[in-house]
C-alpha atoms as a PDB file:
ATOM      1  CA  MET A   1     -38.077 -55.581 -84.207  1.00  0.00           C
ATOM      2  CA  PRO A   2     -38.595 -51.891 -84.837  1.00  0.00           C
ATOM      3  CA  SER A   3     -40.134 -51.523 -81.364  1.00  0.00           C
ATOM      4  CA  GLU A   4     -37.129 -53.204 -79.833  1.00  0.00           C
ATOM      5  CA  GLY A   5     -34.875 -50.767 -81.649  1.00  0.00           C
ATOM      6  CA  ARG A   6     -36.649 -47.881 -79.984  1.00  0.00           C
ATOM      7  CA  ILE A   7     -36.514 -49.475 -76.506  1.00  0.00           C
ATOM      8  CA  VAL A   8     -32.730 -49.901 -76.417  1.00  0.00           C
ATOM      9  CA  PRO A   9     -31.889 -46.239 -76.871  1.00  0.00           C
ATOM     10  CA  TYR A  10     -34.533 -45.373 -74.261  1.00  0.00           C
ATOM     11  CA  LEU A  11     -32.922 -47.749 -71.769  1.00  0.00           C
ATOM     12  CA  LEU A  12     -29.500 -46.332 -72.507  1.00  0.00           C
ATOM     13  CA  LEU A  13     -30.788 -42.817 -71.990  1.00  0.00           C
ATOM     14  CA  THR A  14     -32.420 -43.849 -68.723  1.00  0.00           C
ATOM     15  CA  VAL A  15     -29.209 -45.418 -67.442  1.00  0.00           C
ATOM     16  CA  LEU A  16     -27.218 -42.376 -68.495  1.00  0.00           C
ATOM     17  CA  LEU A  17     -29.587 -40.025 -66.716  1.00  0.00           C
ATOM     18  CA  SER A  18     -29.545 -42.174 -63.565  1.00  0.00           C
ATOM     19  CA  GLY A  19     -25.748 -42.099 -63.535  1.00  0.00           C
ATOM     20  CA  CYS A  20     -25.702 -38.325 -63.825  1.00  0.00           C
ATOM     21  CA  ALA A  21     -28.207 -37.988 -61.015  1.00  0.00           C
ATOM     22  CA  ALA A  22     -26.143 -40.263 -58.786  1.00  0.00           C
ATOM     23  CA  ASN A  23     -23.022 -38.315 -59.602  1.00  0.00           C
ATOM     24  CA  ASP A  24     -24.746 -35.001 -58.810  1.00  0.00           C
ATOM     25  CA  LEU A  25     -25.964 -36.419 -55.507  1.00  0.00           C
ATOM     26  CA  MET A  26     -22.431 -37.561 -54.629  1.00  0.00           C
ATOM     27  CA  VAL A  27     -21.005 -34.147 -55.476  1.00  0.00           C
ATOM     28  CA  LYS A  28     -23.693 -32.467 -53.399  1.00  0.00           C
ATOM     29  CA  ARG A  29     -23.022 -34.670 -50.370  1.00  0.00           C
ATOM     30  CA  GLN A  30     -19.278 -34.143 -50.717  1.00  0.00           C
ATOM     31  CA  ALA A  31     -19.814 -30.387 -50.792  1.00  0.00           C
ATOM     32  CA  GLU A  32     -22.039 -30.610 -47.713  1.00  0.00           C
ATOM     33  CA  SER A  33     -19.406 -32.674 -45.902  1.00  0.00           C
ATOM     34  CA  GLU A  34     -16.684 -30.192 -46.772  1.00  0.00           C
ATOM     35  CA  ALA A  35     -18.888 -27.337 -45.567  1.00  0.00           C
ATOM     36  CA  LYS A  36     -19.480 -29.121 -42.250  1.00  0.00           C
ATOM     37  CA  ILE A  37     -15.765 -29.771 -41.851  1.00  0.00           C
ATOM     38  CA  GLU A  38     -14.988 -26.117 -42.570  1.00  0.00           C
ATOM     39  CA  PHE A  39     -17.638 -25.064 -40.035  1.00  0.00           C
ATOM     40  CA  LEU A  40     -16.138 -27.348 -37.404  1.00  0.00           C
ATOM     41  CA  VAL A  41     -12.619 -26.055 -38.126  1.00  0.00           C
ATOM     42  CA  GLN A  42     -13.765 -22.449 -37.809  1.00  0.00           C
ATOM     43  CA  SER A  43     -15.697 -23.238 -34.622  1.00  0.00           C
ATOM     44  CA  SER A  44     -12.622 -24.936 -33.180  1.00  0.00           C
ATOM     45  CA  LYS A  45     -10.457 -21.893 -33.979  1.00  0.00           C
ATOM     46  CA  LYS A  46     -12.984 -19.553 -32.374  1.00  0.00           C
ATOM     47  CA  ALA A  47     -13.203 -21.778 -29.301  1.00  0.00           C
ATOM     48  CA  GLU A  48      -9.406 -21.839 -29.016  1.00  0.00           C
ATOM     49  CA  GLN A  49      -9.227 -18.068 -29.415  1.00  0.00           C
ATOM     50  CA  ARG A  50     -11.878 -17.581 -26.758  1.00  0.00           C
ATOM     51  CA  HIS A  51     -10.049 -20.002 -24.461  1.00  0.00           C
ATOM     52  CA  ASN A  52      -6.840 -18.007 -24.873  1.00  0.00           C
ATOM     53  CA  GLU A  53      -8.686 -14.761 -24.149  1.00  0.00           C
ATOM     54  CA  LEU A  54     -10.246 -16.223 -21.013  1.00  0.00           C
ATOM     55  CA  ALA A  55      -6.872 -17.592 -19.911  1.00  0.00           C
ATOM     56  CA  GLY A  56      -5.343 -14.146 -20.372  1.00  0.00           C
ATOM     57  CA  LEU A  57      -8.152 -12.520 -18.392  1.00  0.00           C
ATOM     58  CA  LEU A  58      -7.763 -15.102 -15.636  1.00  0.00           C
ATOM     59  CA  GLN A  59      -4.028 -14.472 -15.410  1.00  0.00           C
ATOM     60  CA  ALA A  60      -4.610 -10.710 -15.301  1.00  0.00           C
ATOM     61  CA  GLN A  61      -7.165 -11.158 -12.519  1.00  0.00           C
ATOM     62  CA  GLU A  62      -4.760 -13.355 -10.551  1.00  0.00           C
ATOM     63  CA  GLU A  63      -2.001 -10.747 -10.896  1.00  0.00           C
ATOM     64  CA  ARG A  64      -4.375  -7.991  -9.813  1.00  0.00           C
ATOM     65  CA  LEU A  65      -5.499 -10.101  -6.850  1.00  0.00           C
ATOM     66  CA  HIS A  66      -1.869 -10.522  -5.836  1.00  0.00           C
ATOM     67  CA  VAL A  67      -1.305  -6.761  -6.042  1.00  0.00           C
ATOM     68  CA  VAL A  68      -4.499  -6.021  -4.107  1.00  0.00           C
ATOM     69  CA  SER A  69      -3.506  -8.551  -1.432  1.00  0.00           C
ATOM     70  CA  GLY A  70      -0.175  -6.766  -1.022  1.00  0.00           C
ATOM     71  CA  GLU A  71      -1.930  -3.410  -0.806  1.00  0.00           C
ATOM     72  CA  ILE A  72      -4.356  -4.747   1.804  1.00  0.00           C
ATOM     73  CA  LYS A  73      -1.445  -6.082   3.860  1.00  0.00           C
ATOM     74  CA  GLN A  74       0.304  -2.714   3.641  1.00  0.00           C
ATOM     75  CA  LEU A  75      -2.892  -0.910   4.649  1.00  0.00           C
ATOM     76  CA  LYS A  76      -3.269  -3.238   7.624  1.00  0.00           C
ATOM     77  CA  ASN A  77       0.288  -2.434   8.718  1.00  0.00           C
ATOM     78  CA  GLU A  78      -0.283   1.302   8.300  1.00  0.00           C
ATOM     79  CA  THR A  79      -3.600   1.067  10.149  1.00  0.00           C
ATOM     80  CA  SER A  80      -1.836  -0.720  12.975  1.00  0.00           C
ATOM     81  CA  ASP A  81       0.772   2.043  13.065  1.00  0.00           C
ATOM     82  CA  LEU A  82      -1.912   4.719  13.121  1.00  0.00           C
ATOM     83  CA  GLN A  83      -3.752   2.949  15.909  1.00  0.00           C
ATOM     84  CA  ALA A  84      -0.546   2.716  17.901  1.00  0.00           C
ATOM     85  CA  SER A  85       0.048   6.426  17.338  1.00  0.00           C
ATOM     86  CA  ARG A  86      -3.491   7.245  18.490  1.00  0.00           C
ATOM     87  CA  ASP A  87      -3.099   5.099  21.589  1.00  0.00           C
ATOM     88  CA  GLU A  88       0.214   6.752  22.368  1.00  0.00           C
ATOM     89  CA  LEU A  89      -1.339  10.172  21.873  1.00  0.00           C
ATOM     90  CA  LYS A  90      -4.226   9.353  24.229  1.00  0.00           C
ATOM     91  CA  VAL A  91      -1.754   8.367  26.923  1.00  0.00           C
ATOM     92  CA  ARG A  92       0.282  11.508  26.398  1.00  0.00           C
ATOM     93  CA  VAL A  93      -2.787  13.766  26.404  1.00  0.00           C
ATOM     94  CA  ALA A  94      -4.051  12.111  29.600  1.00  0.00           C
ATOM     95  CA  SER A  95      -0.629  12.629  31.164  1.00  0.00           C
ATOM     96  CA  LEU A  96      -0.660  16.254  30.045  1.00  0.00           C
ATOM     97  CA  ALA A  97      -4.115  16.838  31.533  1.00  0.00           C
ATOM     98  CA  GLN A  98      -2.961  15.400  34.827  1.00  0.00           C
ATOM     99  CA  LYS A  99       0.215  17.484  34.895  1.00  0.00           C
ATOM    100  CA  LEU A 100      -1.637  20.673  34.016  1.00  0.00           C
ATOM    101  CA  GLN A 101      -3.443  20.321  37.332  1.00  0.00           C
ATOM    102  CA  THR A 102      -0.164  20.663  39.260  1.00  0.00           C
ATOM    103  CA  PRO A 103       1.845  23.885  39.815  1.00  0.00           C
ATOM    104  CA  LYS A 104       4.733  22.604  37.693  1.00  0.00           C
ATOM    105  CA  VAL A 105       3.657  21.781  34.122  1.00  0.00           C
ATOM    106  CA  GLU A 106       5.648  19.348  32.040  1.00  0.00           C
ATOM    107  CA  ILE A 107       4.547  17.808  28.771  1.00  0.00           C
ATOM    108  CA  VAL A 108       5.281  14.641  26.854  1.00  0.00           C
ATOM    109  CA  ASN A 109       8.889  14.174  27.873  1.00  0.00           C
ATOM    110  CA  GLN A 110      10.995  15.070  30.891  1.00  0.00           C
ATOM    111  CA  PRO A 111      13.897  17.313  29.772  1.00  0.00           C
ATOM    112  CA  SER A 112      17.390  16.019  30.426  1.00  0.00           C
ATOM    113  CA  SER A 113      18.889  16.904  33.835  1.00  0.00           C
ATOM    114  CA  SER A 114      21.527  19.109  32.221  1.00  0.00           C
ATOM    115  CA  LYS A 115      18.835  21.347  30.757  1.00  0.00           C
ATOM    116  CA  ALA A 116      16.139  21.027  33.364  1.00  0.00           C
ATOM    117  CA  ALA A 117      17.213  24.200  35.104  1.00  0.00           C
ATOM    118  CA  GLY A 118      16.948  26.164  31.880  1.00  0.00           C
ATOM    119  CA  GLU A 119      13.172  25.848  31.631  1.00  0.00           C
ATOM    120  CA  SER A 120      10.768  25.143  34.466  1.00  0.00           C
ATOM    121  CA  GLY A 121       8.184  23.836  32.007  1.00  0.00           C
ATOM    122  CA  PRO A 122       7.100  24.007  28.373  1.00  0.00           C
ATOM    123  CA  PRO A 123       6.677  27.561  27.026  1.00  0.00           C
ATOM    124  CA  ALA A 124       3.172  28.801  26.270  1.00  0.00           C
ATOM    125  CA  GLU A 125       3.894  28.800  22.542  1.00  0.00           C
ATOM    126  CA  TYR A 126       4.833  25.121  22.701  1.00  0.00           C
ATOM    127  CA  LEU A 127       1.691  24.298  24.689  1.00  0.00           C
ATOM    128  CA  LYS A 128      -0.393  26.098  22.091  1.00  0.00           C
ATOM    129  CA  SER A 129       1.232  24.073  19.281  1.00  0.00           C
ATOM    130  CA  PHE A 130       0.724  20.802  21.081  1.00  0.00           C
ATOM    131  CA  GLY A 131      -2.887  21.740  21.763  1.00  0.00           C
ATOM    132  CA  LEU A 132      -3.454  22.151  18.021  1.00  0.00           C
ATOM    133  CA  TYR A 133      -1.919  18.727  17.439  1.00  0.00           C
ATOM    134  CA  SER A 134      -4.086  17.175  20.149  1.00  0.00           C
ATOM    135  CA  ALA A 135      -7.146  18.693  18.430  1.00  0.00           C
ATOM    136  CA  ASN A 136      -6.119  16.993  15.150  1.00  0.00           C
ATOM    137  CA  ASN A 137      -5.530  20.395  13.534  1.00  0.00           C
ATOM    138  CA  PHE A 138      -2.314  19.095  11.994  1.00  0.00           C
ATOM    139  CA  SER A 139      -1.635  21.796   9.389  1.00  0.00           C
ATOM    140  CA  ALA A 140      -2.012  24.546  11.964  1.00  0.00           C
ATOM    141  CA  ALA A 141       0.087  22.550  14.441  1.00  0.00           C
ATOM    142  CA  ILE A 142       2.923  22.275  11.912  1.00  0.00           C
ATOM    143  CA  ALA A 143       2.940  26.037  11.343  1.00  0.00           C
ATOM    144  CA  SER A 144       2.779  26.674  15.093  1.00  0.00           C
ATOM    145  CA  PHE A 145       5.606  24.269  15.944  1.00  0.00           C
ATOM    146  CA  GLU A 146       7.758  25.758  13.154  1.00  0.00           C
ATOM    147  CA  SER A 147       7.113  29.227  14.536  1.00  0.00           C
ATOM    148  CA  PHE A 148       8.095  27.992  18.005  1.00  0.00           C
ATOM    149  CA  LEU A 149      11.368  26.570  16.649  1.00  0.00           C
ATOM    150  CA  LYS A 150      12.131  29.800  14.815  1.00  0.00           C
ATOM    151  CA  ASN A 151      11.574  31.857  17.949  1.00  0.00           C
ATOM    152  CA  ASN A 152      13.162  29.356  20.351  1.00  0.00           C
ATOM    153  CA  PRO A 153      15.910  27.469  18.465  1.00  0.00           C
ATOM    154  CA  ARG A 154      17.727  26.504  21.684  1.00  0.00           C
ATOM    155  CA  SER A 155      14.669  25.497  23.671  1.00  0.00           C
ATOM    156  CA  ASP A 156      14.707  22.291  25.688  1.00  0.00           C
ATOM    157  CA  TYR A 157      11.563  21.421  23.710  1.00  0.00           C
ATOM    158  CA  ALA A 158      13.041  21.960  20.246  1.00  0.00           C
ATOM    159  CA  ALA A 159      13.527  18.221  19.698  1.00  0.00           C
ATOM    160  CA  ASN A 160       9.956  17.568  20.837  1.00  0.00           C
ATOM    161  CA  ALA A 161       8.633  20.231  18.472  1.00  0.00           C
ATOM    162  CA  LEU A 162      10.492  18.688  15.534  1.00  0.00           C
ATOM    163  CA  TYR A 163       9.206  15.253  16.475  1.00  0.00           C
ATOM    164  CA  TRP A 164       5.578  16.427  16.521  1.00  0.00           C
ATOM    165  CA  ILE A 165       6.077  18.160  13.191  1.00  0.00           C
ATOM    166  CA  GLY A 166       7.107  14.765  11.847  1.00  0.00           C
ATOM    167  CA  GLU A 167       4.046  13.147  13.443  1.00  0.00           C
ATOM    168  CA  CYS A 168       1.778  15.731  11.806  1.00  0.00           C
ATOM    169  CA  HIS A 169       3.273  15.114   8.363  1.00  0.00           C
ATOM    170  CA  TYR A 170       3.076  11.339   8.909  1.00  0.00           C
ATOM    171  CA  THR A 171      -0.608  11.536   9.847  1.00  0.00           C
ATOM    172  CA  LEU A 172      -1.253  13.708   6.775  1.00  0.00           C
ATOM    173  CA  SER A 173       0.555  11.055   4.660  1.00  0.00           C
ATOM    174  CA  ASP A 174       3.245  13.551   3.637  1.00  0.00           C
ATOM    175  CA  LEU A 175       5.923  10.901   4.053  1.00  0.00           C
ATOM    176  CA  PRO A 176       8.934  12.763   2.591  1.00  0.00           C
ATOM    177  CA  ARG A 177       8.454  15.676   5.017  1.00  0.00           C
ATOM    178  CA  ALA A 178       7.811  13.305   7.906  1.00  0.00           C
ATOM    179  CA  LYS A 179      11.070  11.540   7.078  1.00  0.00           C
ATOM    180  CA  GLU A 180      12.912  14.871   6.978  1.00  0.00           C
ATOM    181  CA  ALA A 181      11.567  15.943  10.384  1.00  0.00           C
ATOM    182  CA  PHE A 182      12.377  12.647  12.127  1.00  0.00           C
ATOM    183  CA  LEU A 183      15.880  12.681  10.630  1.00  0.00           C
ATOM    184  CA  LYS A 184      16.448  16.179  12.018  1.00  0.00           C
ATOM    185  CA  VAL A 185      15.538  14.974  15.505  1.00  0.00           C
ATOM    186  CA  VAL A 186      17.998  12.081  15.214  1.00  0.00           C
ATOM    187  CA  ASP A 187      20.819  14.136  13.673  1.00  0.00           C
ATOM    188  CA  ASN A 188      20.429  17.396  15.622  1.00  0.00           C
ATOM    189  CA  TYR A 189      19.399  16.003  19.011  1.00  0.00           C
ATOM    190  CA  PRO A 190      21.059  12.587  19.397  1.00  0.00           C
ATOM    191  CA  LYS A 191      20.873  12.757  23.209  1.00  0.00           C
ATOM    192  CA  SER A 192      17.233  13.811  23.371  1.00  0.00           C
ATOM    193  CA  SER A 193      14.710  11.532  25.025  1.00  0.00           C
ATOM    194  CA  LYS A 194      12.695  11.836  21.809  1.00  0.00           C
ATOM    195  CA  THR A 195      15.413  10.274  19.656  1.00  0.00           C
ATOM    196  CA  PRO A 196      14.289   6.621  20.120  1.00  0.00           C
ATOM    197  CA  ASP A 197      10.707   7.584  19.227  1.00  0.00           C
ATOM    198  CA  ALA A 198      11.940   9.616  16.265  1.00  0.00           C
ATOM    199  CA  LEU A 199      13.962   6.645  15.029  1.00  0.00           C
ATOM    200  CA  LEU A 200      10.930   4.368  15.405  1.00  0.00           C
ATOM    201  CA  LYS A 201       8.679   6.681  13.404  1.00  0.00           C
ATOM    202  CA  LEU A 202      11.452   7.118  10.850  1.00  0.00           C
ATOM    203  CA  GLY A 203      11.396   3.339  10.421  1.00  0.00           C
ATOM    204  CA  TYR A 204       7.606   3.381  10.046  1.00  0.00           C
ATOM    205  CA  THR A 205       7.897   6.163   7.473  1.00  0.00           C
ATOM    206  CA  LEU A 206      10.534   4.318   5.429  1.00  0.00           C
ATOM    207  CA  SER A 207       8.404   1.189   5.534  1.00  0.00           C
ATOM    208  CA  ALA A 208       5.387   3.138   4.248  1.00  0.00           C
ATOM    209  CA  MET A 209       7.627   4.514   1.467  1.00  0.00           C
ATOM    210  CA  LYS A 210       8.417   0.910   0.416  1.00  0.00           C
ATOM    211  CA  GLU A 211      12.020   1.229   1.644  1.00  0.00           C
ATOM    212  CA  LYS A 212      11.836  -1.985   3.670  1.00  0.00           C
ATOM    213  CA  GLU A 213      15.581  -2.643   3.906  1.00  0.00           C
ATOM    214  CA  LYS A 214      16.339   0.867   5.199  1.00  0.00           C
ATOM    215  CA  ALA A 215      13.479   0.566   7.675  1.00  0.00           C
ATOM    216  CA  ALA A 216      14.899  -2.736   8.972  1.00  0.00           C
ATOM    217  CA  VAL A 217      18.297  -1.078   9.513  1.00  0.00           C
ATOM    218  CA  ILE A 218      16.618   1.650  11.579  1.00  0.00           C
ATOM    219  CA  PHE A 219      14.706  -0.896  13.682  1.00  0.00           C
ATOM    220  CA  GLU A 220      17.936  -2.810  14.336  1.00  0.00           C
ATOM    221  CA  LYS A 221      19.635   0.427  15.383  1.00  0.00           C
ATOM    222  CA  ILE A 222      16.874   1.144  17.923  1.00  0.00           C
ATOM    223  CA  ILE A 223      17.193  -2.327  19.426  1.00  0.00           C
ATOM    224  CA  THR A 224      20.979  -2.003  19.647  1.00  0.00           C
ATOM    225  CA  SER A 225      21.187   1.591  20.881  1.00  0.00           C
ATOM    226  CA  TYR A 226      18.076   1.719  23.096  1.00  0.00           C
ATOM    227  CA  PRO A 227      17.425  -1.916  24.094  1.00  0.00           C
ATOM    228  CA  SER A 228      15.278  -1.128  27.137  1.00  0.00           C
ATOM    229  CA  SER A 229      13.138   1.591  25.545  1.00  0.00           C
ATOM    230  CA  PRO A 230       9.466   1.169  24.533  1.00  0.00           C
ATOM    231  CA  ALA A 231      10.585   2.023  20.992  1.00  0.00           C
ATOM    232  CA  ALA A 232      12.819  -1.077  20.987  1.00  0.00           C
ATOM    233  CA  ILE A 233       9.823  -3.288  21.824  1.00  0.00           C
ATOM    234  CA  LYS A 234       7.872  -1.883  18.888  1.00  0.00           C
ATOM    235  CA  ALA A 235      10.937  -2.154  16.631  1.00  0.00           C
ATOM    236  CA  ARG A 236      11.213  -5.873  17.426  1.00  0.00           C
ATOM    237  CA  GLU A 237       7.546  -6.321  16.637  1.00  0.00           C
ATOM    238  CA  ARG A 238       7.958  -4.674  13.241  1.00  0.00           C
ATOM    239  CA  LEU A 239      11.027  -6.741  12.414  1.00  0.00           C
ATOM    240  CA  ASN A 240       9.101  -9.919  13.261  1.00  0.00           C
ATOM    241  CA  THR A 241       6.296  -8.963  10.869  1.00  0.00           C
ATOM    242  CA  HIS A 242       8.633  -8.238   7.937  1.00  0.00           C
END
């Protein structure tokens, strides 16, 4: 009987200790589960944040691609304009070379019949200026043409000189000054044979300055006022590409 009295408390103590151990194990597992859940929640938040960042970067790249595509299109148009100007210049230079071989020298454009008697051909100062332009020495050509205009304000070639000043500025990408020069040709010499060309290059210049609507008005004016001119053909082409 005494031995049985000692066994019972021992059993009770054993059961009590087992219960505590089980409880500790349960608490430990619960803590581990909560830690895993917290880790998953944090990982999910980081993944969502990273997704948002990537989405923002993708949108920014798409917007930049759109801008670059527009710039490439504009560059293609400007390159086409420059190529057309070079081709036109080659034709004019070839024509000049041919005419220089004849006793009577005329350059670029035939003066109007009302003024033809005033000058038998382009003055030497004008030829010098155009030679600088033909040699791609645009800054010097501008100064030379301006000097020619100052010394010969009533020359039959004044409109031509202004036009080539505009061409020089256009080639040098000085669009505001190119615009000013072409406008002077149109406003000061409305009956000049260079006026259709000046209007065309004015339209090109406005287009390059992102003034598309104003450029379209100029192209329409060329087609209406000079329907059979080469400038009208090019104006129609530009309107069709807008």
